[in-house]
Amino acid sequence: MAKKGNRVQVILECTEHKASGKPGTSRYITVKNKKNNPERLEIKKYNPILKKMTVHKEIK
């Protein structure tokens, strides 16, 4: 029987990519514990289109 846990899968999307006007999106999938981190996640990840590290925020 599977456990019902607090870990959920979330999608992270680049915040700087929309403002740059370049086509495409930079998205990552990760897992977070919603009990310990109820707020939206923000992580610096590599954006291959812009070729630099940018802030990625959780989207719904």
C-alpha atoms as a PDB file:
ATOM      1  CA  MET A   1       0.000   0.000   0.000  1.00  0.00           C
ATOM      2  CA  ALA A   2       1.360   3.413  -0.974  1.00  0.00           C
ATOM      3  CA  LYS A   3       2.034   6.065   1.643  1.00  0.00           C
ATOM      4  CA  LYS A   4       0.244   9.383   1.437  1.00  0.00           C
ATOM      5  CA  GLY A   5       3.073  11.811   2.036  1.00  0.00           C
ATOM      6  CA  ASN A   6       3.670  15.526   2.105  1.00  0.00           C
ATOM      7  CA  ARG A   7       6.000  15.442  -0.910  1.00  0.00           C
ATOM      8  CA  VAL A   8       4.544  16.893  -4.114  1.00  0.00           C
ATOM      9  CA  GLN A   9       5.939  17.356  -7.601  1.00  0.00           C
ATOM     10  CA  VAL A  10       6.297  21.015  -8.681  1.00  0.00           C
ATOM     11  CA  ILE A  11       7.277  22.783 -11.899  1.00  0.00           C
ATOM     12  CA  LEU A  12       9.833  25.606 -11.832  1.00  0.00           C
ATOM     13  CA  GLU A  13       9.783  28.224 -14.608  1.00  0.00           C
ATOM     14  CA  CYS A  14      12.368  30.906 -15.405  1.00  0.00           C
ATOM     15  CA  THR A  15      11.387  34.463 -14.448  1.00  0.00           C
ATOM     16  CA  GLU A  16      13.853  36.281 -16.750  1.00  0.00           C
ATOM     17  CA  HIS A  17      13.010  34.344 -19.909  1.00  0.00           C
ATOM     18  CA  LYS A  18       9.639  36.017 -20.569  1.00  0.00           C
ATOM     19  CA  ALA A  19      11.189  39.483 -20.356  1.00  0.00           C
ATOM     20  CA  SER A  20      13.997  38.592 -22.798  1.00  0.00           C
ATOM     21  CA  GLY A  21      11.592  38.053 -25.717  1.00  0.00           C
ATOM     22  CA  LYS A  22      13.331  34.882 -26.902  1.00  0.00           C
ATOM     23  CA  PRO A  23      11.139  31.924 -27.943  1.00  0.00           C
ATOM     24  CA  GLY A  24      10.766  28.839 -25.747  1.00  0.00           C
ATOM     25  CA  THR A  25      10.734  28.332 -21.977  1.00  0.00           C
ATOM     26  CA  SER A  26      13.105  27.008 -19.356  1.00  0.00           C
ATOM     27  CA  ARG A  27      11.312  24.645 -16.973  1.00  0.00           C
ATOM     28  CA  TYR A  28      12.477  22.125 -14.393  1.00  0.00           C
ATOM     29  CA  ILE A  29      10.508  19.503 -12.438  1.00  0.00           C
ATOM     30  CA  THR A  30      11.411  18.884  -8.801  1.00  0.00           C
ATOM     31  CA  VAL A  31       9.873  17.615  -5.559  1.00  0.00           C
ATOM     32  CA  LYS A  32       9.221  19.560  -2.366  1.00  0.00           C
ATOM     33  CA  ASN A  33       7.800  18.838   1.065  1.00  0.00           C
ATOM     34  CA  LYS A  34       4.680  21.000   1.364  1.00  0.00           C
ATOM     35  CA  LYS A  35       4.602  20.600   5.152  1.00  0.00           C
ATOM     36  CA  ASN A  36       8.080  22.138   5.631  1.00  0.00           C
ATOM     37  CA  ASN A  37       7.854  24.602   2.665  1.00  0.00           C
ATOM     38  CA  PRO A  38       4.241  25.763   2.221  1.00  0.00           C
ATOM     39  CA  GLU A  39       5.272  28.876   0.247  1.00  0.00           C
ATOM     40  CA  ARG A  40       6.274  28.838  -3.418  1.00  0.00           C
ATOM     41  CA  LEU A  41       9.767  27.597  -4.177  1.00  0.00           C
ATOM     42  CA  GLU A  42      12.481  29.837  -5.729  1.00  0.00           C
ATOM     43  CA  ILE A  43      15.755  28.276  -6.886  1.00  0.00           C
ATOM     44  CA  LYS A  44      18.610  29.513  -9.066  1.00  0.00           C
ATOM     45  CA  LYS A  45      18.930  27.102 -12.005  1.00  0.00           C
ATOM     46  CA  TYR A  46      20.737  27.160 -15.351  1.00  0.00           C
ATOM     47  CA  ASN A  47      18.750  28.493 -18.324  1.00  0.00           C
ATOM     48  CA  PRO A  48      20.214  26.913 -21.499  1.00  0.00           C
ATOM     49  CA  ILE A  49      18.524  29.420 -23.825  1.00  0.00           C
ATOM     50  CA  LEU A  50      19.913  32.492 -22.030  1.00  0.00           C
ATOM     51  CA  LYS A  51      23.115  30.568 -21.150  1.00  0.00           C
ATOM     52  CA  LYS A  52      23.276  31.796 -17.554  1.00  0.00           C
ATOM     53  CA  MET A  53      21.972  31.085 -14.046  1.00  0.00           C
ATOM     54  CA  THR A  54      18.528  32.597 -13.440  1.00  0.00           C
ATOM     55  CA  VAL A  55      15.834  32.483 -10.745  1.00  0.00           C
ATOM     56  CA  HIS A  56      13.188  29.816 -11.367  1.00  0.00           C
ATOM     57  CA  LYS A  57       9.863  30.081  -9.474  1.00  0.00           C
ATOM     58  CA  GLU A  58       7.223  27.481  -8.802  1.00  0.00           C
ATOM     59  CA  ILE A  59       4.142  27.657 -11.040  1.00  0.00           C
ATOM     60  CA  LYS A  60       0.739  26.038 -10.570  1.00  0.00           C
END
